[in-house]
Amino acid sequence: MCCLSDVKMKGIAHDLARKMRMTKPLVCIVDDERAVLDVVKRMIQSGGYDCRCYQTANELLDAFDESVDCVVTDLKMPEMDGAELLEKIRELDRLVSVVVLTAHADIPTTVNLMQQGAVSLIEKPVDANQLLSTVDKAIELTRAQRRLRSEANDARRRIHSLSANELDVLREMISGAPNKAIAMRLQISSRTLDRRRQHILEVMKLDSVAELATVVARYNLLDD
């Protein structure tokens, strides 16, 4: 069941989510074999996705930008293999999902890739349905994580705009202390407290202290 604060925080990232819906997902494919690259491209394009193809990891890294939603890479490649590429991508944008294709799957390799952050490992020859299903989930994961990052960044910008006095009030509010105790502890009048409380909720675009406490905890806003 979704609480009110969940709904409100989703609303904070409304513009980003709308932009994502309007933009066709971009999948980058890396494989040193042109024939394999073409086959995988056709499979992914059949799902309605845009594709960019590269025959080396370095070509992808040179062209990598924030428009990439998913990377599908071969494991065994000259110069830089899929595992090394995965590590580089995680350094550039840790939210981009990476799917690894390989004809050499074994348990140690699979475990290592998953620990490095790969969302899935698919064995060659690639099954089209499996690939599309995996890419679908990978793109959903990338975009969901980006929405959460956008929400968190927006919440941080809002809380950083509060004054030191307002932050003191905010900390007392989410602690659950009654208004009278807060006013006494901070040595301010009830009217001043009410004004600051109202301003804090307006800045954070929330309707209640319960929502405020949820948002602060979710994004660790007071730990920055």
C-alpha atoms as a PDB file:
ATOM      1  CA  MET A   1       0.000   0.000   0.000  1.00  0.00           C
ATOM      2  CA  CYS A   2       1.421   3.381  -1.003  1.00  0.00           C
ATOM      3  CA  CYS A   3       1.462   6.073   1.674  1.00  0.00           C
ATOM      4  CA  LEU A   4       0.799   9.736   0.926  1.00  0.00           C
ATOM      5  CA  SER A   5       4.478  10.664   1.153  1.00  0.00           C
ATOM      6  CA  ASP A   6       5.291   8.097  -1.551  1.00  0.00           C
ATOM      7  CA  VAL A   7       2.768   9.743  -3.838  1.00  0.00           C
ATOM      8  CA  LYS A   8       4.098  13.204  -3.123  1.00  0.00           C
ATOM      9  CA  MET A   9       7.737  12.283  -3.663  1.00  0.00           C
ATOM     10  CA  LYS A  10       6.832  10.690  -6.973  1.00  0.00           C
ATOM     11  CA  GLY A  11       5.255  13.999  -7.870  1.00  0.00           C
ATOM     12  CA  ILE A  12       8.512  15.832  -7.191  1.00  0.00           C
ATOM     13  CA  ALA A  13      10.117  13.957 -10.076  1.00  0.00           C
ATOM     14  CA  HIS A  14       7.102  14.323 -12.378  1.00  0.00           C
ATOM     15  CA  ASP A  15       8.929  16.320 -15.037  1.00  0.00           C
ATOM     16  CA  LEU A  16      11.783  13.827 -15.235  1.00  0.00           C
ATOM     17  CA  ALA A  17       9.397  10.883 -15.402  1.00  0.00           C
ATOM     18  CA  ARG A  18       7.380  12.546 -18.160  1.00  0.00           C
ATOM     19  CA  LYS A  19      10.553  13.238 -20.117  1.00  0.00           C
ATOM     20  CA  MET A  20      11.600   9.609 -19.729  1.00  0.00           C
ATOM     21  CA  ARG A  21       8.239   8.380 -21.002  1.00  0.00           C
ATOM     22  CA  MET A  22       8.484  10.624 -24.045  1.00  0.00           C
ATOM     23  CA  THR A  23      12.037   9.500 -24.835  1.00  0.00           C
ATOM     24  CA  LYS A  24      12.530   6.132 -26.487  1.00  0.00           C
ATOM     25  CA  PRO A  25      14.935   4.052 -24.346  1.00  0.00           C
ATOM     26  CA  LEU A  26      18.491   3.818 -25.678  1.00  0.00           C
ATOM     27  CA  VAL A  27      20.392   0.544 -25.559  1.00  0.00           C
ATOM     28  CA  CYS A  28      24.101   0.411 -26.392  1.00  0.00           C
ATOM     29  CA  ILE A  29      25.418  -2.903 -27.704  1.00  0.00           C
ATOM     30  CA  VAL A  30      29.086  -3.924 -27.678  1.00  0.00           C
ATOM     31  CA  ASP A  31      30.430  -6.995 -29.468  1.00  0.00           C
ATOM     32  CA  ASP A  32      33.600  -7.408 -31.501  1.00  0.00           C
ATOM     33  CA  GLU A  33      31.822  -9.726 -33.956  1.00  0.00           C
ATOM     34  CA  ARG A  34      29.853  -7.680 -36.480  1.00  0.00           C
ATOM     35  CA  ALA A  35      27.452 -10.544 -37.289  1.00  0.00           C
ATOM     36  CA  VAL A  36      26.536 -10.989 -33.618  1.00  0.00           C
ATOM     37  CA  LEU A  37      26.216  -7.236 -33.200  1.00  0.00           C
ATOM     38  CA  ASP A  38      23.726  -7.042 -36.068  1.00  0.00           C
ATOM     39  CA  VAL A  39      21.629  -9.949 -34.774  1.00  0.00           C
ATOM     40  CA  VAL A  40      21.445  -8.556 -31.227  1.00  0.00           C
ATOM     41  CA  LYS A  41      20.607  -5.114 -32.601  1.00  0.00           C
ATOM     42  CA  ARG A  42      17.661  -6.477 -34.591  1.00  0.00           C
ATOM     43  CA  MET A  43      16.395  -8.375 -31.548  1.00  0.00           C
ATOM     44  CA  ILE A  44      16.470  -5.297 -29.340  1.00  0.00           C
ATOM     45  CA  GLN A  45      15.041  -2.975 -31.978  1.00  0.00           C
ATOM     46  CA  SER A  46      12.077  -5.341 -32.319  1.00  0.00           C
ATOM     47  CA  GLY A  47      11.180  -4.305 -28.774  1.00  0.00           C
ATOM     48  CA  GLY A  48      10.871  -0.672 -29.849  1.00  0.00           C
ATOM     49  CA  TYR A  49      14.220   0.512 -28.511  1.00  0.00           C
ATOM     50  CA  ASP A  50      16.847   2.729 -30.082  1.00  0.00           C
ATOM     51  CA  CYS A  51      20.244   1.092 -30.430  1.00  0.00           C
ATOM     52  CA  ARG A  52      23.827   2.216 -30.800  1.00  0.00           C
ATOM     53  CA  CYS A  53      26.365  -0.420 -31.792  1.00  0.00           C
ATOM     54  CA  TYR A  54      30.087  -0.593 -31.021  1.00  0.00           C
ATOM     55  CA  GLN A  55      32.726  -3.198 -31.811  1.00  0.00           C
ATOM     56  CA  THR A  56      35.018  -2.202 -28.936  1.00  0.00           C
ATOM     57  CA  ALA A  57      34.481  -1.158 -25.351  1.00  0.00           C
ATOM     58  CA  ASN A  58      36.552   1.980 -25.865  1.00  0.00           C
ATOM     59  CA  GLU A  59      34.264   3.135 -28.679  1.00  0.00           C
ATOM     60  CA  LEU A  60      31.311   2.963 -26.312  1.00  0.00           C
ATOM     61  CA  LEU A  61      33.153   4.729 -23.508  1.00  0.00           C
ATOM     62  CA  ASP A  62      34.140   7.558 -25.863  1.00  0.00           C
ATOM     63  CA  ALA A  63      30.486   8.062 -26.833  1.00  0.00           C
ATOM     64  CA  PHE A  64      28.885   7.318 -23.447  1.00  0.00           C
ATOM     65  CA  ASP A  65      26.469   9.933 -22.110  1.00  0.00           C
ATOM     66  CA  GLU A  66      23.448  10.283 -19.822  1.00  0.00           C
ATOM     67  CA  SER A  67      21.022   9.240 -22.573  1.00  0.00           C
ATOM     68  CA  VAL A  68      22.096   5.585 -22.241  1.00  0.00           C
ATOM     69  CA  ASP A  69      19.492   3.448 -20.451  1.00  0.00           C
ATOM     70  CA  CYS A  70      21.090   0.025 -20.813  1.00  0.00           C
ATOM     71  CA  VAL A  71      24.313  -1.545 -22.075  1.00  0.00           C
ATOM     72  CA  VAL A  72      24.396  -5.035 -23.574  1.00  0.00           C
ATOM     73  CA  THR A  73      27.967  -6.244 -23.900  1.00  0.00           C
ATOM     74  CA  ASP A  74      29.828  -9.376 -24.902  1.00  0.00           C
ATOM     75  CA  LEU A  75      32.129 -10.754 -22.224  1.00  0.00           C
ATOM     76  CA  LYS A  76      35.106 -11.976 -24.235  1.00  0.00           C
ATOM     77  CA  MET A  77      36.526  -9.122 -26.331  1.00  0.00           C
ATOM     78  CA  PRO A  78      40.037  -7.961 -27.233  1.00  0.00           C
ATOM     79  CA  GLU A  79      41.627  -4.892 -25.597  1.00  0.00           C
ATOM     80  CA  MET A  80      38.930  -4.440 -22.938  1.00  0.00           C
ATOM     81  CA  ASP A  81      36.537  -7.264 -22.048  1.00  0.00           C
ATOM     82  CA  GLY A  82      32.974  -7.020 -20.778  1.00  0.00           C
ATOM     83  CA  ALA A  83      33.941  -7.234 -17.114  1.00  0.00           C
ATOM     84  CA  GLU A  84      36.357  -4.315 -17.456  1.00  0.00           C
ATOM     85  CA  LEU A  85      33.764  -2.351 -19.407  1.00  0.00           C
ATOM     86  CA  LEU A  86      31.212  -2.983 -16.663  1.00  0.00           C
ATOM     87  CA  GLU A  87      33.637  -1.536 -14.116  1.00  0.00           C
ATOM     88  CA  LYS A  88      34.218   1.571 -16.261  1.00  0.00           C
ATOM     89  CA  ILE A  89      30.497   2.128 -16.773  1.00  0.00           C
ATOM     90  CA  ARG A  90      29.881   1.885 -13.034  1.00  0.00           C
ATOM     91  CA  GLU A  91      32.433   4.653 -12.587  1.00  0.00           C
ATOM     92  CA  LEU A  92      30.704   6.851 -15.181  1.00  0.00           C
ATOM     93  CA  ASP A  93      27.117   6.223 -14.069  1.00  0.00           C
ATOM     94  CA  ARG A  94      26.432   3.509 -11.525  1.00  0.00           C
ATOM     95  CA  LEU A  95      22.698   3.608 -12.278  1.00  0.00           C
ATOM     96  CA  VAL A  96      22.999   2.354 -15.873  1.00  0.00           C
ATOM     97  CA  SER A  97      22.028  -1.315 -16.092  1.00  0.00           C
ATOM     98  CA  VAL A  98      24.476  -3.646 -17.828  1.00  0.00           C
ATOM     99  CA  VAL A  99      23.573  -7.011 -19.380  1.00  0.00           C
ATOM    100  CA  VAL A 100      26.448  -9.346 -20.248  1.00  0.00           C
ATOM    101  CA  LEU A 101      26.364 -11.884 -23.092  1.00  0.00           C
ATOM    102  CA  THR A 102      28.773 -14.806 -23.097  1.00  0.00           C
ATOM    103  CA  ALA A 103      29.405 -18.243 -24.562  1.00  0.00           C
ATOM    104  CA  HIS A 104      31.665 -19.010 -21.601  1.00  0.00           C
ATOM    105  CA  ALA A 105      29.337 -18.858 -18.605  1.00  0.00           C
ATOM    106  CA  ASP A 106      30.388 -20.566 -15.398  1.00  0.00           C
ATOM    107  CA  ILE A 107      29.475 -20.053 -11.764  1.00  0.00           C
ATOM    108  CA  PRO A 108      32.603 -18.076 -10.702  1.00  0.00           C
ATOM    109  CA  THR A 109      32.256 -15.761 -13.726  1.00  0.00           C
ATOM    110  CA  THR A 110      28.552 -15.236 -13.084  1.00  0.00           C
ATOM    111  CA  VAL A 111      29.081 -14.493  -9.396  1.00  0.00           C
ATOM    112  CA  ASN A 112      31.910 -12.073 -10.142  1.00  0.00           C
ATOM    113  CA  LEU A 113      29.897 -10.146 -12.737  1.00  0.00           C
ATOM    114  CA  MET A 114      26.863  -9.884 -10.484  1.00  0.00           C
ATOM    115  CA  GLN A 115      29.046  -8.632  -7.641  1.00  0.00           C
ATOM    116  CA  GLN A 116      30.422  -5.998 -10.010  1.00  0.00           C
ATOM    117  CA  GLY A 117      26.904  -4.797 -10.735  1.00  0.00           C
ATOM    118  CA  ALA A 118      25.710  -6.627 -13.856  1.00  0.00           C
ATOM    119  CA  VAL A 119      21.924  -7.020 -13.792  1.00  0.00           C
ATOM    120  CA  SER A 120      21.979 -10.259 -15.778  1.00  0.00           C
ATOM    121  CA  LEU A 121      24.206 -12.735 -17.619  1.00  0.00           C
ATOM    122  CA  ILE A 122      22.802 -14.330 -20.791  1.00  0.00           C
ATOM    123  CA  GLU A 123      24.394 -17.300 -22.529  1.00  0.00           C
ATOM    124  CA  LYS A 124      25.008 -17.371 -26.269  1.00  0.00           C
ATOM    125  CA  PRO A 125      23.418 -18.244 -28.600  1.00  0.00           C
ATOM    126  CA  VAL A 126      21.020 -15.570 -27.434  1.00  0.00           C
ATOM    127  CA  ASP A 127      17.307 -16.280 -27.219  1.00  0.00           C
ATOM    128  CA  ALA A 128      15.369 -13.253 -28.483  1.00  0.00           C
ATOM    129  CA  ASN A 129      12.565 -13.487 -25.921  1.00  0.00           C
ATOM    130  CA  GLN A 130      14.978 -13.851 -23.028  1.00  0.00           C
ATOM    131  CA  LEU A 131      17.067 -10.944 -24.257  1.00  0.00           C
ATOM    132  CA  LEU A 132      14.083  -8.615 -24.704  1.00  0.00           C
ATOM    133  CA  SER A 133      12.628  -9.554 -21.319  1.00  0.00           C
ATOM    134  CA  THR A 134      15.989  -8.907 -19.655  1.00  0.00           C
ATOM    135  CA  VAL A 135      16.510  -5.591 -21.449  1.00  0.00           C
ATOM    136  CA  ASP A 136      12.958  -4.505 -20.514  1.00  0.00           C
ATOM    137  CA  LYS A 137      13.680  -5.110 -16.832  1.00  0.00           C
ATOM    138  CA  ALA A 138      17.133  -3.511 -17.066  1.00  0.00           C
ATOM    139  CA  ILE A 139      15.712  -0.313 -18.555  1.00  0.00           C
ATOM    140  CA  GLU A 140      12.943  -0.187 -15.952  1.00  0.00           C
ATOM    141  CA  LEU A 141      15.585  -0.521 -13.231  1.00  0.00           C
ATOM    142  CA  THR A 142      17.765   2.241 -14.697  1.00  0.00           C
ATOM    143  CA  ARG A 143      14.879   4.659 -15.020  1.00  0.00           C
ATOM    144  CA  ALA A 144      13.435   3.854 -11.593  1.00  0.00           C
ATOM    145  CA  GLN A 145      16.812   4.492  -9.968  1.00  0.00           C
ATOM    146  CA  ARG A 146      17.191   7.746 -11.886  1.00  0.00           C
ATOM    147  CA  ARG A 147      13.770   8.901 -10.703  1.00  0.00           C
ATOM    148  CA  LEU A 148      14.745   8.140  -7.108  1.00  0.00           C
ATOM    149  CA  ARG A 149      18.011  10.034  -7.561  1.00  0.00           C
ATOM    150  CA  SER A 150      16.114  12.997  -8.979  1.00  0.00           C
ATOM    151  CA  GLU A 151      13.665  12.939  -6.066  1.00  0.00           C
ATOM    152  CA  ALA A 152      16.524  12.767  -3.558  1.00  0.00           C
ATOM    153  CA  ASN A 153      18.416  15.631  -5.216  1.00  0.00           C
ATOM    154  CA  ASP A 154      15.275  17.758  -5.282  1.00  0.00           C
ATOM    155  CA  ALA A 155      14.598  17.079  -1.598  1.00  0.00           C
ATOM    156  CA  ARG A 156      18.212  17.972  -0.730  1.00  0.00           C
ATOM    157  CA  ARG A 157      17.977  21.257  -2.634  1.00  0.00           C
ATOM    158  CA  ARG A 158      14.830  22.138  -0.722  1.00  0.00           C
ATOM    159  CA  ILE A 159      16.168  21.306   2.708  1.00  0.00           C
ATOM    160  CA  HIS A 160      19.418  23.167   2.020  1.00  0.00           C
ATOM    161  CA  SER A 161      17.381  26.311   1.338  1.00  0.00           C
ATOM    162  CA  LEU A 162      16.110  26.335   4.932  1.00  0.00           C
ATOM    163  CA  SER A 163      17.767  28.602   7.484  1.00  0.00           C
ATOM    164  CA  ALA A 164      19.693  27.262  10.474  1.00  0.00           C
ATOM    165  CA  ASN A 165      16.789  28.189  12.755  1.00  0.00           C
ATOM    166  CA  GLU A 166      14.335  26.384  10.524  1.00  0.00           C
ATOM    167  CA  LEU A 167      16.545  23.297  10.473  1.00  0.00           C
ATOM    168  CA  ASP A 168      16.528  23.318  14.283  1.00  0.00           C
ATOM    169  CA  VAL A 169      12.739  23.359  14.178  1.00  0.00           C
ATOM    170  CA  LEU A 170      12.688  20.610  11.552  1.00  0.00           C
ATOM    171  CA  ARG A 171      14.817  18.321  13.714  1.00  0.00           C
ATOM    172  CA  GLU A 172      12.478  18.860  16.647  1.00  0.00           C
ATOM    173  CA  MET A 173       9.406  18.303  14.476  1.00  0.00           C
ATOM    174  CA  ILE A 174      10.512  14.901  13.210  1.00  0.00           C
ATOM    175  CA  SER A 175      11.607  13.837  16.686  1.00  0.00           C
ATOM    176  CA  GLY A 176       7.939  13.795  17.677  1.00  0.00           C
ATOM    177  CA  ALA A 177       8.266  16.418  20.380  1.00  0.00           C
ATOM    178  CA  PRO A 178       5.086  18.408  21.150  1.00  0.00           C
ATOM    179  CA  ASN A 179       4.933  22.051  20.083  1.00  0.00           C
ATOM    180  CA  LYS A 180       5.129  23.405  23.600  1.00  0.00           C
ATOM    181  CA  ALA A 181       8.304  21.437  24.325  1.00  0.00           C
ATOM    182  CA  ILE A 182       9.864  22.532  21.034  1.00  0.00           C
ATOM    183  CA  ALA A 183       9.127  26.196  21.718  1.00  0.00           C
ATOM    184  CA  MET A 184      10.640  25.954  25.188  1.00  0.00           C
ATOM    185  CA  ARG A 185      13.722  24.054  24.007  1.00  0.00           C
ATOM    186  CA  LEU A 186      14.426  26.506  21.196  1.00  0.00           C
ATOM    187  CA  GLN A 187      13.349  29.509  23.253  1.00  0.00           C
ATOM    188  CA  ILE A 188      10.925  30.844  20.684  1.00  0.00           C
ATOM    189  CA  SER A 189       7.277  31.849  20.852  1.00  0.00           C
ATOM    190  CA  SER A 190       4.441  29.593  19.746  1.00  0.00           C
ATOM    191  CA  ARG A 191       3.675  32.020  16.921  1.00  0.00           C
ATOM    192  CA  THR A 192       7.282  31.894  15.673  1.00  0.00           C
ATOM    193  CA  LEU A 193       7.260  28.111  15.889  1.00  0.00           C
ATOM    194  CA  ASP A 194       4.021  27.872  13.917  1.00  0.00           C
ATOM    195  CA  ARG A 195       5.385  30.194  11.252  1.00  0.00           C
ATOM    196  CA  ARG A 196       8.585  28.194  10.877  1.00  0.00           C
ATOM    197  CA  ARG A 197       6.750  24.873  10.825  1.00  0.00           C
ATOM    198  CA  GLN A 198       4.465  26.099   8.072  1.00  0.00           C
ATOM    199  CA  HIS A 199       7.335  27.480   6.027  1.00  0.00           C
ATOM    200  CA  ILE A 200       9.280  24.222   6.332  1.00  0.00           C
ATOM    201  CA  LEU A 201       6.336  22.188   5.029  1.00  0.00           C
ATOM    202  CA  GLU A 202       5.769  24.666   2.194  1.00  0.00           C
ATOM    203  CA  VAL A 203       9.434  24.549   1.139  1.00  0.00           C
ATOM    204  CA  MET A 204       9.487  20.761   1.258  1.00  0.00           C
ATOM    205  CA  LYS A 205       6.105  20.607  -0.549  1.00  0.00           C
ATOM    206  CA  LEU A 206       4.634  18.321   2.089  1.00  0.00           C
ATOM    207  CA  ASP A 207       1.424  18.430   4.110  1.00  0.00           C
ATOM    208  CA  SER A 208       2.337  16.820   7.407  1.00  0.00           C
ATOM    209  CA  VAL A 209       5.121  16.160   9.867  1.00  0.00           C
ATOM    210  CA  ALA A 210       4.734  12.426   9.248  1.00  0.00           C
ATOM    211  CA  GLU A 211       5.473  12.939   5.555  1.00  0.00           C
ATOM    212  CA  LEU A 212       8.416  15.164   6.423  1.00  0.00           C
ATOM    213  CA  ALA A 213       9.898  12.538   8.734  1.00  0.00           C
ATOM    214  CA  THR A 214       9.491   9.873   6.026  1.00  0.00           C
ATOM    215  CA  VAL A 215      11.233  11.967   3.371  1.00  0.00           C
ATOM    216  CA  VAL A 216      14.087  12.995   5.664  1.00  0.00           C
ATOM    217  CA  ALA A 217      14.717   9.378   6.651  1.00  0.00           C
ATOM    218  CA  ARG A 218      14.366   8.004   3.118  1.00  0.00           C
ATOM    219  CA  TYR A 219      16.993  10.303   1.645  1.00  0.00           C
ATOM    220  CA  ASN A 220      19.158  10.808   4.770  1.00  0.00           C
ATOM    221  CA  LEU A 221      18.659  14.543   4.389  1.00  0.00           C
ATOM    222  CA  LEU A 222      20.151  15.467   7.742  1.00  0.00           C
ATOM    223  CA  ASP A 223      23.284  13.348   7.239  1.00  0.00           C
ATOM    224  CA  ASP A 224      24.708  15.541   4.446  1.00  0.00           C
END
